[in-house]
């Protein structure tokens, strides 16, 4: 209902086909919801897992993968309605673009590991990180092309292109909507992945022995 209302409003505002915008927004919101959960739950992963960490001799990374797996299951449930809308709006594009979209989603999951390792470690040390992320992501929702398209910015499209969330949305969403293979977004996402994983494993390796004492 929320996505439908947003699609009707922005469709009228930008004079865009309701069915096309509904497919665009529904996929954007589905992927955004997953990424938001990874950010907020990832920052608190070790704090909320305190009893298990202190009572069971298991690697800390188990809790990282548990958060990602749980949200991946939720993503699969949330994707049912957008897939039905897509099958109605662009059935041929949905079939032909599915392999590229799945590959993009795989890259999103790889980045989720790096994000949770970094934020989870920092969140165990700094308890104010979760409220801070809630504030930042509330703003990020409106400056990320979810309800609107990046090309509507005209000469200021670079404002969207410097936003990592935009590129990770595009590598999943664009192929499904029949918009082709987003080469620029893939290049950005691959470079970001190298940095993200390097940072995540570096931070986690440096401080993982301290995490049980911080929580």
C-alpha atoms as a PDB file:
ATOM      1  CA  UNK A   1       0.000   0.000   0.000  1.00  0.00           C
ATOM      2  CA  UNK A   2       2.833   2.385   0.910  1.00  0.00           C
ATOM      3  CA  UNK A   3       4.727   1.688  -2.310  1.00  0.00           C
ATOM      4  CA  UNK A   4       1.534   2.007  -4.357  1.00  0.00           C
ATOM      5  CA  UNK A   5       0.703   5.381  -2.813  1.00  0.00           C
ATOM      6  CA  UNK A   6       4.240   6.626  -3.440  1.00  0.00           C
ATOM      7  CA  UNK A   7       4.080   5.434  -7.063  1.00  0.00           C
ATOM      8  CA  UNK A   8       0.752   7.209  -7.636  1.00  0.00           C
ATOM      9  CA  UNK A   9       2.055  10.449  -6.115  1.00  0.00           C
ATOM     10  CA  UNK A  10       5.385  10.540  -7.933  1.00  0.00           C
ATOM     11  CA  UNK A  11       3.814   9.240 -11.135  1.00  0.00           C
ATOM     12  CA  UNK A  12       1.473  12.211 -11.138  1.00  0.00           C
ATOM     13  CA  UNK A  13       4.252  14.597 -10.129  1.00  0.00           C
ATOM     14  CA  UNK A  14       6.684  13.508 -12.850  1.00  0.00           C
ATOM     15  CA  UNK A  15       4.003  12.464 -15.403  1.00  0.00           C
ATOM     16  CA  UNK A  16       5.380   8.911 -15.567  1.00  0.00           C
ATOM     17  CA  UNK A  17       3.545   5.690 -16.443  1.00  0.00           C
ATOM     18  CA  UNK A  18       2.069   4.345 -13.214  1.00  0.00           C
ATOM     19  CA  UNK A  19       2.860   0.708 -14.037  1.00  0.00           C
ATOM     20  CA  UNK A  20       6.484   1.457 -14.922  1.00  0.00           C
ATOM     21  CA  UNK A  21       6.998   3.601 -11.846  1.00  0.00           C
ATOM     22  CA  UNK A  22       5.326   0.995  -9.640  1.00  0.00           C
ATOM     23  CA  UNK A  23       7.825  -1.647 -10.826  1.00  0.00           C
ATOM     24  CA  UNK A  24      10.710   0.815 -10.385  1.00  0.00           C
ATOM     25  CA  UNK A  25       9.693   1.929  -6.889  1.00  0.00           C
ATOM     26  CA  UNK A  26       8.725  -1.524  -5.609  1.00  0.00           C
ATOM     27  CA  UNK A  27      12.105  -3.014  -6.509  1.00  0.00           C
ATOM     28  CA  UNK A  28      13.898   0.025  -5.163  1.00  0.00           C
ATOM     29  CA  UNK A  29      12.079  -0.207  -1.836  1.00  0.00           C
ATOM     30  CA  UNK A  30      12.662  -3.964  -1.578  1.00  0.00           C
ATOM     31  CA  UNK A  31      16.411  -3.650  -2.056  1.00  0.00           C
ATOM     32  CA  UNK A  32      16.533  -0.534   0.123  1.00  0.00           C
ATOM     33  CA  UNK A  33      14.759  -2.342   2.978  1.00  0.00           C
ATOM     34  CA  UNK A  34      17.359  -5.110   2.827  1.00  0.00           C
ATOM     35  CA  UNK A  35      20.273  -2.658   2.813  1.00  0.00           C
ATOM     36  CA  UNK A  36      18.742  -0.634   5.655  1.00  0.00           C
ATOM     37  CA  UNK A  37      18.399  -3.769   7.796  1.00  0.00           C
ATOM     38  CA  UNK A  38      22.011  -4.703   7.069  1.00  0.00           C
ATOM     39  CA  UNK A  39      23.186  -1.261   8.201  1.00  0.00           C
ATOM     40  CA  UNK A  40      21.132  -0.982  11.378  1.00  0.00           C
ATOM     41  CA  UNK A  41      21.118  -4.622  12.484  1.00  0.00           C
ATOM     42  CA  UNK A  42      24.735  -5.013  11.438  1.00  0.00           C
ATOM     43  CA  UNK A  43      25.830  -2.221  13.761  1.00  0.00           C
ATOM     44  CA  UNK A  44      24.161  -3.985  16.703  1.00  0.00           C
ATOM     45  CA  UNK A  45      24.978  -7.580  15.726  1.00  0.00           C
ATOM     46  CA  UNK A  46      27.492  -8.296  18.482  1.00  0.00           C
ATOM     47  CA  UNK A  47      25.639  -6.294  21.145  1.00  0.00           C
ATOM     48  CA  UNK A  48      22.365  -8.222  20.687  1.00  0.00           C
ATOM     49  CA  UNK A  49      24.320 -11.494  20.464  1.00  0.00           C
ATOM     50  CA  UNK A  50      26.037 -10.912  23.825  1.00  0.00           C
ATOM     51  CA  UNK A  51      24.551 -13.992  25.595  1.00  0.00           C
ATOM     52  CA  UNK A  52      25.513 -16.343  22.761  1.00  0.00           C
ATOM     53  CA  UNK A  53      28.989 -14.852  22.433  1.00  0.00           C
ATOM     54  CA  UNK A  54      29.729 -15.224  26.139  1.00  0.00           C
ATOM     55  CA  UNK A  55      28.208 -18.684  26.547  1.00  0.00           C
ATOM     56  CA  UNK A  56      29.034 -20.534  23.314  1.00  0.00           C
ATOM     57  CA  UNK A  57      32.528 -21.078  21.881  1.00  0.00           C
ATOM     58  CA  UNK A  58      31.688 -20.136  18.297  1.00  0.00           C
ATOM     59  CA  UNK A  59      33.458 -17.789  15.845  1.00  0.00           C
ATOM     60  CA  UNK A  60      32.147 -14.237  15.990  1.00  0.00           C
ATOM     61  CA  UNK A  61      31.670 -14.309  12.226  1.00  0.00           C
ATOM     62  CA  UNK A  62      28.773 -16.751  12.754  1.00  0.00           C
ATOM     63  CA  UNK A  63      26.676 -13.864  14.048  1.00  0.00           C
ATOM     64  CA  UNK A  64      27.574 -11.758  11.012  1.00  0.00           C
ATOM     65  CA  UNK A  65      26.386 -14.434   8.590  1.00  0.00           C
ATOM     66  CA  UNK A  66      23.275 -15.068  10.695  1.00  0.00           C
ATOM     67  CA  UNK A  67      22.152 -11.443  10.294  1.00  0.00           C
ATOM     68  CA  UNK A  68      22.743 -11.534   6.549  1.00  0.00           C
ATOM     69  CA  UNK A  69      20.965 -14.868   6.108  1.00  0.00           C
ATOM     70  CA  UNK A  70      17.909 -13.761   8.100  1.00  0.00           C
ATOM     71  CA  UNK A  71      17.546 -10.590   6.062  1.00  0.00           C
ATOM     72  CA  UNK A  72      18.096 -12.493   2.828  1.00  0.00           C
ATOM     73  CA  UNK A  73      15.088 -14.668   3.708  1.00  0.00           C
ATOM     74  CA  UNK A  74      13.039 -11.527   4.396  1.00  0.00           C
ATOM     75  CA  UNK A  75      14.217 -10.098   1.080  1.00  0.00           C
ATOM     76  CA  UNK A  76      12.967 -13.200  -0.731  1.00  0.00           C
ATOM     77  CA  UNK A  77       9.534 -12.751   0.870  1.00  0.00           C
ATOM     78  CA  UNK A  78       9.417  -9.024   0.115  1.00  0.00           C
ATOM     79  CA  UNK A  79      10.439  -9.594  -3.511  1.00  0.00           C
ATOM     80  CA  UNK A  80       7.301 -11.594  -4.350  1.00  0.00           C
ATOM     81  CA  UNK A  81       5.069  -8.564  -4.974  1.00  0.00           C
ATOM     82  CA  UNK A  82       7.665  -6.626  -7.054  1.00  0.00           C
ATOM     83  CA  UNK A  83       8.255  -9.742  -9.169  1.00  0.00           C
ATOM     84  CA  UNK A  84       4.515 -10.073  -9.805  1.00  0.00           C
ATOM     85  CA  UNK A  85       4.342  -6.399 -10.796  1.00  0.00           C
ATOM     86  CA  UNK A  86       7.350  -6.860 -13.070  1.00  0.00           C
ATOM     87  CA  UNK A  87       5.822  -9.954 -14.683  1.00  0.00           C
ATOM     88  CA  UNK A  88       2.803  -7.835 -15.491  1.00  0.00           C
ATOM     89  CA  UNK A  89       4.665  -4.711 -16.641  1.00  0.00           C
ATOM     90  CA  UNK A  90       7.788  -6.113 -18.354  1.00  0.00           C
ATOM     91  CA  UNK A  91       7.605  -9.925 -18.617  1.00  0.00           C
ATOM     92  CA  UNK A  92      10.294 -10.277 -21.317  1.00  0.00           C
ATOM     93  CA  UNK A  93      12.701  -7.923 -19.563  1.00  0.00           C
ATOM     94  CA  UNK A  94      12.190  -9.786 -16.283  1.00  0.00           C
ATOM     95  CA  UNK A  95      13.238 -13.093 -17.847  1.00  0.00           C
ATOM     96  CA  UNK A  96      16.170 -11.778 -19.878  1.00  0.00           C
ATOM     97  CA  UNK A  97      17.492  -9.567 -17.089  1.00  0.00           C
ATOM     98  CA  UNK A  98      17.182 -12.077 -14.251  1.00  0.00           C
ATOM     99  CA  UNK A  99      20.735 -13.555 -14.545  1.00  0.00           C
ATOM    100  CA  UNK A 100      22.352 -10.095 -14.433  1.00  0.00           C
ATOM    101  CA  UNK A 101      20.109  -9.073 -11.535  1.00  0.00           C
ATOM    102  CA  UNK A 102      21.022 -12.202  -9.546  1.00  0.00           C
ATOM    103  CA  UNK A 103      24.697 -11.517 -10.175  1.00  0.00           C
ATOM    104  CA  UNK A 104      24.172  -7.981  -8.908  1.00  0.00           C
ATOM    105  CA  UNK A 105      22.391  -9.293  -5.828  1.00  0.00           C
ATOM    106  CA  UNK A 106      25.319 -11.619  -5.156  1.00  0.00           C
ATOM    107  CA  UNK A 107      27.622  -8.584  -5.126  1.00  0.00           C
ATOM    108  CA  UNK A 108      25.256  -6.830  -2.715  1.00  0.00           C
ATOM    109  CA  UNK A 109      25.496  -9.820  -0.361  1.00  0.00           C
ATOM    110  CA  UNK A 110      29.297  -9.818  -0.550  1.00  0.00           C
ATOM    111  CA  UNK A 111      29.276  -6.155   0.437  1.00  0.00           C
ATOM    112  CA  UNK A 112      26.871  -6.914   3.266  1.00  0.00           C
ATOM    113  CA  UNK A 113      29.582  -9.043   4.855  1.00  0.00           C
ATOM    114  CA  UNK A 114      32.061  -6.171   4.790  1.00  0.00           C
ATOM    115  CA  UNK A 115      29.510  -3.686   6.112  1.00  0.00           C
ATOM    116  CA  UNK A 116      28.433  -5.878   9.025  1.00  0.00           C
ATOM    117  CA  UNK A 117      32.033  -6.673   9.977  1.00  0.00           C
ATOM    118  CA  UNK A 118      32.921  -2.988  10.097  1.00  0.00           C
ATOM    119  CA  UNK A 119      29.753  -1.609  11.687  1.00  0.00           C
ATOM    120  CA  UNK A 120      29.340  -4.554  14.043  1.00  0.00           C
ATOM    121  CA  UNK A 121      32.838  -4.049  15.429  1.00  0.00           C
ATOM    122  CA  UNK A 122      32.415  -0.293  15.758  1.00  0.00           C
ATOM    123  CA  UNK A 123      28.914  -0.721  17.193  1.00  0.00           C
ATOM    124  CA  UNK A 124      30.238  -2.963  19.945  1.00  0.00           C
ATOM    125  CA  UNK A 125      32.599  -0.187  21.007  1.00  0.00           C
ATOM    126  CA  UNK A 126      30.399   2.837  20.338  1.00  0.00           C
ATOM    127  CA  UNK A 127      26.766   2.286  21.379  1.00  0.00           C
ATOM    128  CA  UNK A 128      25.636   5.566  19.808  1.00  0.00           C
ATOM    129  CA  UNK A 129      26.337   4.216  16.329  1.00  0.00           C
ATOM    130  CA  UNK A 130      22.874   2.686  15.808  1.00  0.00           C
ATOM    131  CA  UNK A 131      20.917   5.909  16.580  1.00  0.00           C
ATOM    132  CA  UNK A 132      23.350   7.802  14.353  1.00  0.00           C
ATOM    133  CA  UNK A 133      22.755   5.366  11.489  1.00  0.00           C
ATOM    134  CA  UNK A 134      18.985   5.679  11.928  1.00  0.00           C
ATOM    135  CA  UNK A 135      19.283   9.434  11.438  1.00  0.00           C
ATOM    136  CA  UNK A 136      21.616   9.154   8.461  1.00  0.00           C
ATOM    137  CA  UNK A 137      19.560   6.512   6.660  1.00  0.00           C
ATOM    138  CA  UNK A 138      16.372   8.566   7.063  1.00  0.00           C
ATOM    139  CA  UNK A 139      18.042  11.280   4.990  1.00  0.00           C
ATOM    140  CA  UNK A 140      19.683   8.808   2.616  1.00  0.00           C
ATOM    141  CA  UNK A 141      16.276   7.400   1.657  1.00  0.00           C
ATOM    142  CA  UNK A 142      15.268  10.665   0.008  1.00  0.00           C
ATOM    143  CA  UNK A 143      18.568  11.451  -1.728  1.00  0.00           C
ATOM    144  CA  UNK A 144      18.796   7.977  -3.272  1.00  0.00           C
ATOM    145  CA  UNK A 145      16.940   7.376  -6.586  1.00  0.00           C
ATOM    146  CA  UNK A 146      14.211   5.111  -5.241  1.00  0.00           C
ATOM    147  CA  UNK A 147      11.076   7.198  -5.820  1.00  0.00           C
ATOM    148  CA  UNK A 148      12.617   9.194  -8.663  1.00  0.00           C
ATOM    149  CA  UNK A 149      15.128   8.531 -11.454  1.00  0.00           C
ATOM    150  CA  UNK A 150      18.700   9.782 -11.484  1.00  0.00           C
ATOM    151  CA  UNK A 151      18.408  11.207 -15.001  1.00  0.00           C
ATOM    152  CA  UNK A 152      15.755  13.619 -13.711  1.00  0.00           C
ATOM    153  CA  UNK A 153      18.611  15.511 -12.044  1.00  0.00           C
ATOM    154  CA  UNK A 154      19.868  16.595 -15.467  1.00  0.00           C
ATOM    155  CA  UNK A 155      23.336  18.124 -15.248  1.00  0.00           C
ATOM    156  CA  UNK A 156      23.410  17.321 -11.526  1.00  0.00           C
ATOM    157  CA  UNK A 157      23.193  13.572 -12.047  1.00  0.00           C
ATOM    158  CA  UNK A 158      26.600  13.337 -10.391  1.00  0.00           C
ATOM    159  CA  UNK A 159      24.778  13.823  -7.067  1.00  0.00           C
ATOM    160  CA  UNK A 160      23.282  10.366  -7.567  1.00  0.00           C
ATOM    161  CA  UNK A 161      26.432   8.860  -9.042  1.00  0.00           C
ATOM    162  CA  UNK A 162      28.521   9.585  -5.932  1.00  0.00           C
ATOM    163  CA  UNK A 163      25.962   7.728  -3.815  1.00  0.00           C
ATOM    164  CA  UNK A 164      27.021   4.046  -3.392  1.00  0.00           C
ATOM    165  CA  UNK A 165      23.427   3.020  -2.698  1.00  0.00           C
ATOM    166  CA  UNK A 166      22.385   4.201  -6.162  1.00  0.00           C
ATOM    167  CA  UNK A 167      24.866   1.906  -7.890  1.00  0.00           C
ATOM    168  CA  UNK A 168      23.959  -1.155  -5.838  1.00  0.00           C
ATOM    169  CA  UNK A 169      20.291  -0.519  -6.574  1.00  0.00           C
ATOM    170  CA  UNK A 170      21.030  -0.179 -10.279  1.00  0.00           C
ATOM    171  CA  UNK A 171      22.997  -3.413 -10.709  1.00  0.00           C
ATOM    172  CA  UNK A 172      19.959  -5.327  -9.451  1.00  0.00           C
ATOM    173  CA  UNK A 173      17.070  -3.190 -10.658  1.00  0.00           C
ATOM    174  CA  UNK A 174      18.137  -1.965 -14.104  1.00  0.00           C
ATOM    175  CA  UNK A 175      18.427  -5.407 -15.800  1.00  0.00           C
ATOM    176  CA  UNK A 176      14.995  -6.442 -14.503  1.00  0.00           C
ATOM    177  CA  UNK A 177      13.392  -3.289 -15.902  1.00  0.00           C
ATOM    178  CA  UNK A 178      14.909  -3.842 -19.339  1.00  0.00           C
ATOM    179  CA  UNK A 179      17.299  -0.906 -18.997  1.00  0.00           C
ATOM    180  CA  UNK A 180      20.362  -2.908 -20.024  1.00  0.00           C
ATOM    181  CA  UNK A 181      23.578  -3.662 -18.195  1.00  0.00           C
ATOM    182  CA  UNK A 182      24.591  -0.665 -16.007  1.00  0.00           C
ATOM    183  CA  UNK A 183      28.319  -0.640 -16.794  1.00  0.00           C
ATOM    184  CA  UNK A 184      29.119   2.486 -14.758  1.00  0.00           C
ATOM    185  CA  UNK A 185      27.309   1.166 -11.699  1.00  0.00           C
ATOM    186  CA  UNK A 186      29.062  -2.195 -11.986  1.00  0.00           C
ATOM    187  CA  UNK A 187      32.472  -0.516 -12.208  1.00  0.00           C
ATOM    188  CA  UNK A 188      31.700   1.604  -9.141  1.00  0.00           C
ATOM    189  CA  UNK A 189      30.289  -1.369  -7.232  1.00  0.00           C
ATOM    190  CA  UNK A 190      33.331  -3.559  -7.923  1.00  0.00           C
ATOM    191  CA  UNK A 191      35.790  -0.884  -6.784  1.00  0.00           C
ATOM    192  CA  UNK A 192      33.676  -0.187  -3.708  1.00  0.00           C
ATOM    193  CA  UNK A 193      33.539  -3.919  -2.924  1.00  0.00           C
ATOM    194  CA  UNK A 194      37.325  -4.208  -2.812  1.00  0.00           C
ATOM    195  CA  UNK A 195      37.526  -1.235  -0.445  1.00  0.00           C
ATOM    196  CA  UNK A 196      34.566  -2.370   1.665  1.00  0.00           C
ATOM    197  CA  UNK A 197      35.800  -5.944   2.186  1.00  0.00           C
ATOM    198  CA  UNK A 198      39.343  -4.769   2.859  1.00  0.00           C
ATOM    199  CA  UNK A 199      38.114  -2.341   5.500  1.00  0.00           C
ATOM    200  CA  UNK A 200      35.723  -4.864   7.045  1.00  0.00           C
ATOM    201  CA  UNK A 201      38.257  -7.653   7.467  1.00  0.00           C
ATOM    202  CA  UNK A 202      40.958  -5.211   8.619  1.00  0.00           C
ATOM    203  CA  UNK A 203      38.775  -3.685  11.349  1.00  0.00           C
ATOM    204  CA  UNK A 204      37.367  -7.040  12.465  1.00  0.00           C
ATOM    205  CA  UNK A 205      40.790  -8.757  12.536  1.00  0.00           C
ATOM    206  CA  UNK A 206      42.278  -5.896  14.530  1.00  0.00           C
ATOM    207  CA  UNK A 207      39.591  -5.734  17.232  1.00  0.00           C
ATOM    208  CA  UNK A 208      37.756  -9.077  17.302  1.00  0.00           C
ATOM    209  CA  UNK A 209      39.521 -10.225  20.501  1.00  0.00           C
ATOM    210  CA  UNK A 210      38.200  -7.123  22.264  1.00  0.00           C
ATOM    211  CA  UNK A 211      34.582  -7.460  21.212  1.00  0.00           C
ATOM    212  CA  UNK A 212      33.569  -9.863  24.070  1.00  0.00           C
ATOM    213  CA  UNK A 213      34.948  -7.347  26.574  1.00  0.00           C
ATOM    214  CA  UNK A 214      33.252  -4.351  24.941  1.00  0.00           C
ATOM    215  CA  UNK A 215      29.796  -5.918  25.054  1.00  0.00           C
END
